[in-house]
């Protein structure tokens, strides 16, 4: 994620040799100085989570995100257990 006025989510499929701009949604980086984070699922390269005031989930490699239901707002961190799959 590039945290700038014209920033957004970028994706690399080659170990960071090249990057592709995939999402410009401001909601994903509305508080970048505080806690905007992106996490990739360890078993599915197209499942991506973005944490911010709300939690978001993408199943298309970050091109679109939907609100991921969680019990609390103000999401700062996430742990993805490799043996448990989330909904």
PDB file of N, CA and C in Angstrom:
ATOM      1  N   UNK A   1       0.838  -1.160   0.000  1.00  0.00           N
ATOM      2  CA  UNK A   1       0.000   0.000   0.000  1.00  0.00           C
ATOM      3  C   UNK A   1       0.891   1.235   0.000  1.00  0.00           C
ATOM      4  N   UNK A   2       0.577   2.154  -0.888  1.00  0.00           N
ATOM      5  CA  UNK A   2       1.260   3.444  -0.935  1.00  0.00           C
ATOM      6  C   UNK A   2       0.360   4.437  -0.203  1.00  0.00           C
ATOM      7  N   UNK A   3       0.876   5.047   0.831  1.00  0.00           N
ATOM      8  CA  UNK A   3       0.111   5.957   1.664  1.00  0.00           C
ATOM      9  C   UNK A   3       0.335   7.391   1.217  1.00  0.00           C
ATOM     10  N   UNK A   4      -0.375   7.781   0.152  1.00  0.00           N
ATOM     11  CA  UNK A   4      -0.260   9.125  -0.398  1.00  0.00           C
ATOM     12  C   UNK A   4      -1.589   9.521  -1.026  1.00  0.00           C
ATOM     13  N   UNK A   5      -1.738  10.789  -1.348  1.00  0.00           N
ATOM     14  CA  UNK A   5      -2.983  11.276  -1.931  1.00  0.00           C
ATOM     15  C   UNK A   5      -3.381  10.474  -3.170  1.00  0.00           C
ATOM     16  N   UNK A   6      -2.441  10.164  -4.026  1.00  0.00           N
ATOM     17  CA  UNK A   6      -2.716   9.382  -5.235  1.00  0.00           C
ATOM     18  C   UNK A   6      -2.265   7.928  -5.070  1.00  0.00           C
ATOM     19  N   UNK A   7      -2.181   7.458  -3.834  1.00  0.00           N
ATOM     20  CA  UNK A   7      -1.700   6.114  -3.560  1.00  0.00           C
ATOM     21  C   UNK A   7      -2.766   5.055  -3.716  1.00  0.00           C
ATOM     22  N   UNK A   8      -2.474   3.884  -3.176  1.00  0.00           N
ATOM     23  CA  UNK A   8      -3.403   2.776  -3.237  1.00  0.00           C
ATOM     24  C   UNK A   8      -2.698   1.459  -2.993  1.00  0.00           C
ATOM     25  N   UNK A   9      -3.369   0.392  -3.369  1.00  0.00           N
ATOM     26  CA  UNK A   9      -2.846  -0.951  -3.165  1.00  0.00           C
ATOM     27  C   UNK A   9      -2.154  -1.431  -4.433  1.00  0.00           C
ATOM     28  N   UNK A  10      -0.959  -1.945  -4.249  1.00  0.00           N
ATOM     29  CA  UNK A  10      -0.171  -2.514  -5.345  1.00  0.00           C
ATOM     30  C   UNK A  10       0.040  -3.987  -5.060  1.00  0.00           C
ATOM     31  N   UNK A  11       0.253  -4.758  -6.111  1.00  0.00           N
ATOM     32  CA  UNK A  11       0.456  -6.199  -5.971  1.00  0.00           C
ATOM     33  C   UNK A  11       1.668  -6.636  -6.785  1.00  0.00           C
ATOM     34  N   UNK A  12       2.431  -7.551  -6.207  1.00  0.00           N
ATOM     35  CA  UNK A  12       3.551  -8.157  -6.903  1.00  0.00           C
ATOM     36  C   UNK A  12       3.358  -9.670  -6.916  1.00  0.00           C
ATOM     37  N   UNK A  13       3.569 -10.275  -8.050  1.00  0.00           N
ATOM     38  CA  UNK A  13       3.476 -11.731  -8.177  1.00  0.00           C
ATOM     39  C   UNK A  13       4.827 -12.352  -8.496  1.00  0.00           C
ATOM     40  N   UNK A  14       5.889 -11.551  -8.401  1.00  0.00           N
ATOM     41  CA  UNK A  14       7.219 -12.054  -8.750  1.00  0.00           C
ATOM     42  C   UNK A  14       8.269 -11.671  -7.704  1.00  0.00           C
ATOM     43  N   UNK A  15       7.874 -11.725  -6.440  1.00  0.00           N
ATOM     44  CA  UNK A  15       8.831 -11.443  -5.361  1.00  0.00           C
ATOM     45  C   UNK A  15       9.276  -9.997  -5.298  1.00  0.00           C
ATOM     46  N   UNK A  16       8.433  -9.071  -5.705  1.00  0.00           N
ATOM     47  CA  UNK A  16       8.680  -7.634  -5.657  1.00  0.00           C
ATOM     48  C   UNK A  16       9.594  -7.108  -6.760  1.00  0.00           C
ATOM     49  N   UNK A  17       9.834  -7.896  -7.801  1.00  0.00           N
ATOM     50  CA  UNK A  17      10.609  -7.399  -8.946  1.00  0.00           C
ATOM     51  C   UNK A  17       9.792  -6.353  -9.717  1.00  0.00           C
ATOM     52  N   UNK A  18       8.478  -6.571  -9.814  1.00  0.00           N
ATOM     53  CA  UNK A  18       7.573  -5.612 -10.460  1.00  0.00           C
ATOM     54  C   UNK A  18       6.305  -5.506  -9.612  1.00  0.00           C
ATOM     55  N   UNK A  19       5.618  -4.376  -9.767  1.00  0.00           N
ATOM     56  CA  UNK A  19       4.394  -4.114  -9.019  1.00  0.00           C
ATOM     57  C   UNK A  19       3.297  -3.661  -9.978  1.00  0.00           C
ATOM     58  N   UNK A  20       2.058  -4.020  -9.638  1.00  0.00           N
ATOM     59  CA  UNK A  20       0.891  -3.623 -10.438  1.00  0.00           C
ATOM     60  C   UNK A  20      -0.099  -2.903  -9.525  1.00  0.00           C
ATOM     61  N   UNK A  21      -0.575  -1.731  -9.946  1.00  0.00           N
ATOM     62  CA  UNK A  21      -1.555  -0.940  -9.195  1.00  0.00           C
ATOM     63  C   UNK A  21      -2.916  -1.620  -9.325  1.00  0.00           C
ATOM     64  N   UNK A  22      -3.522  -2.032  -8.199  1.00  0.00           N
ATOM     65  CA  UNK A  22      -4.776  -2.779  -8.282  1.00  0.00           C
ATOM     66  C   UNK A  22      -5.975  -2.098  -7.630  1.00  0.00           C
ATOM     67  N   UNK A  23      -5.762  -1.124  -6.722  1.00  0.00           N
ATOM     68  CA  UNK A  23      -6.907  -0.547  -6.027  1.00  0.00           C
ATOM     69  C   UNK A  23      -6.586   0.849  -5.506  1.00  0.00           C
ATOM     70  N   UNK A  24      -7.489   1.785  -5.765  1.00  0.00           N
ATOM     71  CA  UNK A  24      -7.305   3.174  -5.343  1.00  0.00           C
ATOM     72  C   UNK A  24      -8.280   3.599  -4.247  1.00  0.00           C
ATOM     73  N   UNK A  25      -9.056   2.675  -3.694  1.00  0.00           N
ATOM     74  CA  UNK A  25     -10.084   3.033  -2.723  1.00  0.00           C
ATOM     75  C   UNK A  25      -9.489   3.735  -1.499  1.00  0.00           C
ATOM     76  N   UNK A  26      -9.971   4.933  -1.253  1.00  0.00           N
ATOM     77  CA  UNK A  26      -9.475   5.752  -0.147  1.00  0.00           C
ATOM     78  C   UNK A  26      -9.762   5.111   1.218  1.00  0.00           C
ATOM     79  N   UNK A  27     -10.855   4.342   1.314  1.00  0.00           N
ATOM     80  CA  UNK A  27     -11.236   3.733   2.598  1.00  0.00           C
ATOM     81  C   UNK A  27     -10.148   2.805   3.138  1.00  0.00           C
ATOM     82  N   UNK A  28      -9.316   2.274   2.261  1.00  0.00           N
ATOM     83  CA  UNK A  28      -8.275   1.346   2.685  1.00  0.00           C
ATOM     84  C   UNK A  28      -7.075   2.051   3.301  1.00  0.00           C
ATOM     85  N   UNK A  29      -6.961   3.352   3.096  1.00  0.00           N
ATOM     86  CA  UNK A  29      -5.812   4.104   3.614  1.00  0.00           C
ATOM     87  C   UNK A  29      -6.240   5.414   4.255  1.00  0.00           C
ATOM     88  N   UNK A  30      -7.397   5.409   4.892  1.00  0.00           N
ATOM     89  CA  UNK A  30      -7.917   6.645   5.464  1.00  0.00           C
ATOM     90  C   UNK A  30      -7.163   7.136   6.695  1.00  0.00           C
ATOM     91  N   UNK A  31      -6.421   6.263   7.365  1.00  0.00           N
ATOM     92  CA  UNK A  31      -5.605   6.688   8.512  1.00  0.00           C
ATOM     93  C   UNK A  31      -4.222   6.058   8.408  1.00  0.00           C
ATOM     94  N   UNK A  32      -3.484   6.334   7.336  1.00  0.00           N
ATOM     95  CA  UNK A  32      -2.224   5.634   7.099  1.00  0.00           C
ATOM     96  C   UNK A  32      -1.152   5.897   8.143  1.00  0.00           C
ATOM     97  N   UNK A  33      -1.141   7.049   8.734  1.00  0.00           N
ATOM     98  CA  UNK A  33      -0.118   7.370   9.725  1.00  0.00           C
ATOM     99  C   UNK A  33      -0.331   6.564  11.005  1.00  0.00           C
ATOM    100  N   UNK A  34      -1.488   5.947  11.137  1.00  0.00           N
ATOM    101  CA  UNK A  34      -1.850   5.299  12.386  1.00  0.00           C
ATOM    102  C   UNK A  34      -1.869   3.780  12.291  1.00  0.00           C
ATOM    103  N   UNK A  35      -2.605   3.227  11.281  1.00  0.00           N
ATOM    104  CA  UNK A  35      -2.683   1.770  11.258  1.00  0.00           C
ATOM    105  C   UNK A  35      -3.194   1.129   9.979  1.00  0.00           C
ATOM    106  N   UNK A  36      -3.002   1.647   8.857  1.00  0.00           N
ATOM    107  CA  UNK A  36      -3.414   0.963   7.627  1.00  0.00           C
ATOM    108  C   UNK A  36      -2.461  -0.190   7.362  1.00  0.00           C
ATOM    109  N   UNK A  37      -2.995  -1.401   7.255  1.00  0.00           N
ATOM    110  CA  UNK A  37      -2.170  -2.581   7.011  1.00  0.00           C
ATOM    111  C   UNK A  37      -2.863  -3.519   6.039  1.00  0.00           C
ATOM    112  N   UNK A  38      -2.062  -4.251   5.277  1.00  0.00           N
ATOM    113  CA  UNK A  38      -2.576  -5.241   4.330  1.00  0.00           C
ATOM    114  C   UNK A  38      -1.914  -6.575   4.648  1.00  0.00           C
ATOM    115  N   UNK A  39      -2.711  -7.649   4.674  1.00  0.00           N
ATOM    116  CA  UNK A  39      -2.220  -8.992   4.962  1.00  0.00           C
ATOM    117  C   UNK A  39      -2.678  -9.940   3.868  1.00  0.00           C
ATOM    118  N   UNK A  40      -1.769 -10.768   3.401  1.00  0.00           N
ATOM    119  CA  UNK A  40      -2.115 -11.789   2.402  1.00  0.00           C
ATOM    120  C   UNK A  40      -2.370 -13.109   3.105  1.00  0.00           C
ATOM    121  N   UNK A  41      -3.355 -13.820   2.628  1.00  0.00           N
ATOM    122  CA  UNK A  41      -3.649 -15.155   3.154  1.00  0.00           C
ATOM    123  C   UNK A  41      -2.501 -16.093   2.785  1.00  0.00           C
ATOM    124  N   UNK A  42      -2.087 -16.929   3.711  1.00  0.00           N
ATOM    125  CA  UNK A  42      -0.944 -17.805   3.469  1.00  0.00           C
ATOM    126  C   UNK A  42      -1.261 -18.999   2.567  1.00  0.00           C
ATOM    127  N   UNK A  43      -2.538 -19.257   2.315  1.00  0.00           N
ATOM    128  CA  UNK A  43      -2.912 -20.399   1.478  1.00  0.00           C
ATOM    129  C   UNK A  43      -3.572 -20.012   0.165  1.00  0.00           C
ATOM    130  N   UNK A  44      -3.967 -18.765   0.026  1.00  0.00           N
ATOM    131  CA  UNK A  44      -4.654 -18.318  -1.191  1.00  0.00           C
ATOM    132  C   UNK A  44      -4.127 -16.936  -1.565  1.00  0.00           C
ATOM    133  N   UNK A  45      -3.351 -16.857  -2.622  1.00  0.00           N
ATOM    134  CA  UNK A  45      -2.715 -15.593  -3.006  1.00  0.00           C
ATOM    135  C   UNK A  45      -3.714 -14.525  -3.444  1.00  0.00           C
ATOM    136  N   UNK A  46      -4.941 -14.895  -3.722  1.00  0.00           N
ATOM    137  CA  UNK A  46      -5.940 -13.903  -4.108  1.00  0.00           C
ATOM    138  C   UNK A  46      -6.778 -13.396  -2.946  1.00  0.00           C
ATOM    139  N   UNK A  47      -6.582 -13.956  -1.755  1.00  0.00           N
ATOM    140  CA  UNK A  47      -7.305 -13.478  -0.581  1.00  0.00           C
ATOM    141  C   UNK A  47      -6.398 -12.528   0.188  1.00  0.00           C
ATOM    142  N   UNK A  48      -6.904 -11.309   0.362  1.00  0.00           N
ATOM    143  CA  UNK A  48      -6.135 -10.238   0.995  1.00  0.00           C
ATOM    144  C   UNK A  48      -7.035  -9.539   2.005  1.00  0.00           C
ATOM    145  N   UNK A  49      -6.478  -9.202   3.146  1.00  0.00           N
ATOM    146  CA  UNK A  49      -7.207  -8.476   4.183  1.00  0.00           C
ATOM    147  C   UNK A  49      -6.576  -7.100   4.355  1.00  0.00           C
ATOM    148  N   UNK A  50      -7.405  -6.089   4.533  1.00  0.00           N
ATOM    149  CA  UNK A  50      -6.928  -4.729   4.785  1.00  0.00           C
ATOM    150  C   UNK A  50      -7.556  -4.252   6.088  1.00  0.00           C
ATOM    151  N   UNK A  51      -6.721  -3.789   6.992  1.00  0.00           N
ATOM    152  CA  UNK A  51      -7.206  -3.308   8.290  1.00  0.00           C
ATOM    153  C   UNK A  51      -7.122  -1.798   8.344  1.00  0.00           C
ATOM    154  N   UNK A  52      -8.141  -1.225   8.938  1.00  0.00           N
ATOM    155  CA  UNK A  52      -8.238   0.209   9.105  1.00  0.00           C
ATOM    156  C   UNK A  52      -9.285   0.425  10.171  1.00  0.00           C
ATOM    157  N   UNK A  53     -10.100   1.459  10.046  1.00  0.00           N
ATOM    158  CA  UNK A  53     -11.202   1.644  10.981  1.00  0.00           C
ATOM    159  C   UNK A  53     -12.101   0.409  10.930  1.00  0.00           C
ATOM    160  N   UNK A  54     -12.376  -0.084   9.733  1.00  0.00           N
ATOM    161  CA  UNK A  54     -13.075  -1.351   9.535  1.00  0.00           C
ATOM    162  C   UNK A  54     -12.082  -2.370   8.996  1.00  0.00           C
ATOM    163  N   UNK A  55     -12.490  -3.622   8.978  1.00  0.00           N
ATOM    164  CA  UNK A  55     -11.677  -4.677   8.371  1.00  0.00           C
ATOM    165  C   UNK A  55     -12.293  -5.001   7.012  1.00  0.00           C
ATOM    166  N   UNK A  56     -11.451  -5.222   6.011  1.00  0.00           N
ATOM    167  CA  UNK A  56     -11.911  -5.505   4.654  1.00  0.00           C
ATOM    168  C   UNK A  56     -11.269  -6.789   4.151  1.00  0.00           C
ATOM    169  N   UNK A  57     -11.962  -7.466   3.239  1.00  0.00           N
ATOM    170  CA  UNK A  57     -11.448  -8.695   2.646  1.00  0.00           C
ATOM    171  C   UNK A  57     -11.627  -8.645   1.139  1.00  0.00           C
ATOM    172  N   UNK A  58     -10.604  -9.092   0.434  1.00  0.00           N
ATOM    173  CA  UNK A  58     -10.650  -9.203  -1.016  1.00  0.00           C
ATOM    174  C   UNK A  58     -10.403 -10.660  -1.392  1.00  0.00           C
ATOM    175  N   UNK A  59     -11.115 -11.148  -2.371  1.00  0.00           N
ATOM    176  CA  UNK A  59     -10.881 -12.504  -2.870  1.00  0.00           C
ATOM    177  C   UNK A  59     -10.421 -12.482  -4.328  1.00  0.00           C
ATOM    178  N   UNK A  60     -10.129 -11.281  -4.826  1.00  0.00           N
ATOM    179  CA  UNK A  60      -9.660 -11.150  -6.213  1.00  0.00           C
ATOM    180  C   UNK A  60      -8.308 -10.433  -6.286  1.00  0.00           C
ATOM    181  N   UNK A  61      -7.464 -10.705  -5.314  1.00  0.00           N
ATOM    182  CA  UNK A  61      -6.113 -10.164  -5.328  1.00  0.00           C
ATOM    183  C   UNK A  61      -6.007  -8.694  -4.996  1.00  0.00           C
ATOM    184  N   UNK A  62      -7.009  -8.125  -4.355  1.00  0.00           N
ATOM    185  CA  UNK A  62      -6.964  -6.728  -3.937  1.00  0.00           C
ATOM    186  C   UNK A  62      -7.662  -5.759  -4.862  1.00  0.00           C
ATOM    187  N   UNK A  63      -8.283  -6.254  -5.920  1.00  0.00           N
ATOM    188  CA  UNK A  63      -8.965  -5.353  -6.847  1.00  0.00           C
ATOM    189  C   UNK A  63     -10.251  -4.784  -6.263  1.00  0.00           C
ATOM    190  N   UNK A  64     -10.965  -5.584  -5.470  1.00  0.00           N
ATOM    191  CA  UNK A  64     -12.164  -5.113  -4.770  1.00  0.00           C
ATOM    192  C   UNK A  64     -12.115  -5.617  -3.341  1.00  0.00           C
ATOM    193  N   UNK A  65     -12.675  -4.846  -2.427  1.00  0.00           N
ATOM    194  CA  UNK A  65     -12.724  -5.209  -1.014  1.00  0.00           C
ATOM    195  C   UNK A  65     -14.146  -5.044  -0.498  1.00  0.00           C
ATOM    196  N   UNK A  66     -14.557  -5.968   0.369  1.00  0.00           N
ATOM    197  CA  UNK A  66     -15.838  -5.880   1.065  1.00  0.00           C
ATOM    198  C   UNK A  66     -15.553  -5.844   2.557  1.00  0.00           C
ATOM    199  N   UNK A  67     -16.457  -5.247   3.313  1.00  0.00           N
ATOM    200  CA  UNK A  67     -16.291  -5.203   4.761  1.00  0.00           C
ATOM    201  C   UNK A  67     -16.283  -6.627   5.288  1.00  0.00           C
ATOM    202  N   UNK A  68     -15.307  -6.913   6.110  1.00  0.00           N
ATOM    203  CA  UNK A  68     -15.163  -8.219   6.743  1.00  0.00           C
ATOM    204  C   UNK A  68     -15.717  -8.091   8.155  1.00  0.00           C
ATOM    205  N   UNK A  69     -16.787  -8.829   8.480  1.00  0.00           N
ATOM    206  CA  UNK A  69     -17.394  -8.657   9.804  1.00  0.00           C
ATOM    207  C   UNK A  69     -16.426  -9.013  10.931  1.00  0.00           C
ATOM    208  N   UNK A  70     -16.325  -8.122  11.877  1.00  0.00           N
ATOM    209  CA  UNK A  70     -15.501  -8.366  13.054  1.00  0.00           C
ATOM    210  C   UNK A  70     -16.226  -7.805  14.275  1.00  0.00           C
ATOM    211  N   UNK A  71     -15.862  -8.254  15.452  1.00  0.00           N
ATOM    212  CA  UNK A  71     -16.583  -7.817  16.658  1.00  0.00           C
ATOM    213  C   UNK A  71     -16.211  -6.421  17.142  1.00  0.00           C
ATOM    214  N   UNK A  72     -15.240  -5.785  16.501  1.00  0.00           N
ATOM    215  CA  UNK A  72     -14.742  -4.513  17.004  1.00  0.00           C
ATOM    216  C   UNK A  72     -14.212  -3.676  15.846  1.00  0.00           C
ATOM    217  N   UNK A  73     -14.382  -2.381  15.916  1.00  0.00           N
ATOM    218  CA  UNK A  73     -13.764  -1.494  14.932  1.00  0.00           C
ATOM    219  C   UNK A  73     -12.345  -1.171  15.368  1.00  0.00           C
ATOM    220  N   UNK A  74     -11.717  -0.256  14.696  1.00  0.00           N
ATOM    221  CA  UNK A  74     -10.384   0.191  15.102  1.00  0.00           C
ATOM    222  C   UNK A  74      -9.389  -0.964  15.058  1.00  0.00           C
ATOM    223  N   UNK A  75      -9.260  -1.578  13.892  1.00  0.00           N
ATOM    224  CA  UNK A  75      -8.456  -2.785  13.715  1.00  0.00           C
ATOM    225  C   UNK A  75      -6.996  -2.458  13.444  1.00  0.00           C
ATOM    226  N   UNK A  76      -6.110  -2.918  14.332  1.00  0.00           N
ATOM    227  CA  UNK A  76      -4.692  -2.611  14.236  1.00  0.00           C
ATOM    228  C   UNK A  76      -3.828  -3.759  13.741  1.00  0.00           C
ATOM    229  N   UNK A  77      -4.214  -4.989  14.017  1.00  0.00           N
ATOM    230  CA  UNK A  77      -3.351  -6.101  13.660  1.00  0.00           C
ATOM    231  C   UNK A  77      -4.188  -7.338  13.385  1.00  0.00           C
ATOM    232  N   UNK A  78      -3.558  -8.337  12.760  1.00  0.00           N
ATOM    233  CA  UNK A  78      -4.260  -9.554  12.397  1.00  0.00           C
ATOM    234  C   UNK A  78      -3.274 -10.702  12.381  1.00  0.00           C
ATOM    235  N   UNK A  79      -3.751 -11.860  12.751  1.00  0.00           N
ATOM    236  CA  UNK A  79      -2.956 -13.075  12.659  1.00  0.00           C
ATOM    237  C   UNK A  79      -3.766 -14.084  11.859  1.00  0.00           C
ATOM    238  N   UNK A  80      -3.169 -14.673  10.854  1.00  0.00           N
ATOM    239  CA  UNK A  80      -3.833 -15.672  10.016  1.00  0.00           C
ATOM    240  C   UNK A  80      -3.227 -17.023  10.372  1.00  0.00           C
ATOM    241  N   UNK A  81      -4.010 -17.891  11.008  1.00  0.00           N
ATOM    242  CA  UNK A  81      -3.525 -19.217  11.363  1.00  0.00           C
ATOM    243  C   UNK A  81      -3.519 -20.079  10.106  1.00  0.00           C
ATOM    244  N   UNK A  82      -2.407 -20.706   9.829  1.00  0.00           N
ATOM    245  CA  UNK A  82      -2.287 -21.485   8.590  1.00  0.00           C
ATOM    246  C   UNK A  82      -3.141 -22.756   8.604  1.00  0.00           C
ATOM    247  N   UNK A  83      -3.659 -23.164   9.750  1.00  0.00           N
ATOM    248  CA  UNK A  83      -4.464 -24.377   9.830  1.00  0.00           C
ATOM    249  C   UNK A  83      -5.955 -24.097   9.896  1.00  0.00           C
ATOM    250  N   UNK A  84      -6.342 -22.841  10.026  1.00  0.00           N
ATOM    251  CA  UNK A  84      -7.740 -22.478  10.137  1.00  0.00           C
ATOM    252  C   UNK A  84      -8.110 -21.551   8.985  1.00  0.00           C
ATOM    253  N   UNK A  85      -9.194 -21.824   8.320  1.00  0.00           N
ATOM    254  CA  UNK A  85      -9.661 -20.987   7.218  1.00  0.00           C
ATOM    255  C   UNK A  85     -10.816 -20.118   7.724  1.00  0.00           C
ATOM    256  N   UNK A  86     -10.808 -18.837   7.397  1.00  0.00           N
ATOM    257  CA  UNK A  86     -11.882 -17.938   7.792  1.00  0.00           C
ATOM    258  C   UNK A  86     -12.941 -17.887   6.697  1.00  0.00           C
ATOM    259  N   UNK A  87     -14.105 -17.395   7.077  1.00  0.00           N
ATOM    260  CA  UNK A  87     -15.234 -17.311   6.130  1.00  0.00           C
ATOM    261  C   UNK A  87     -15.020 -16.260   5.089  1.00  0.00           C
TER     262      UNK A  87
END
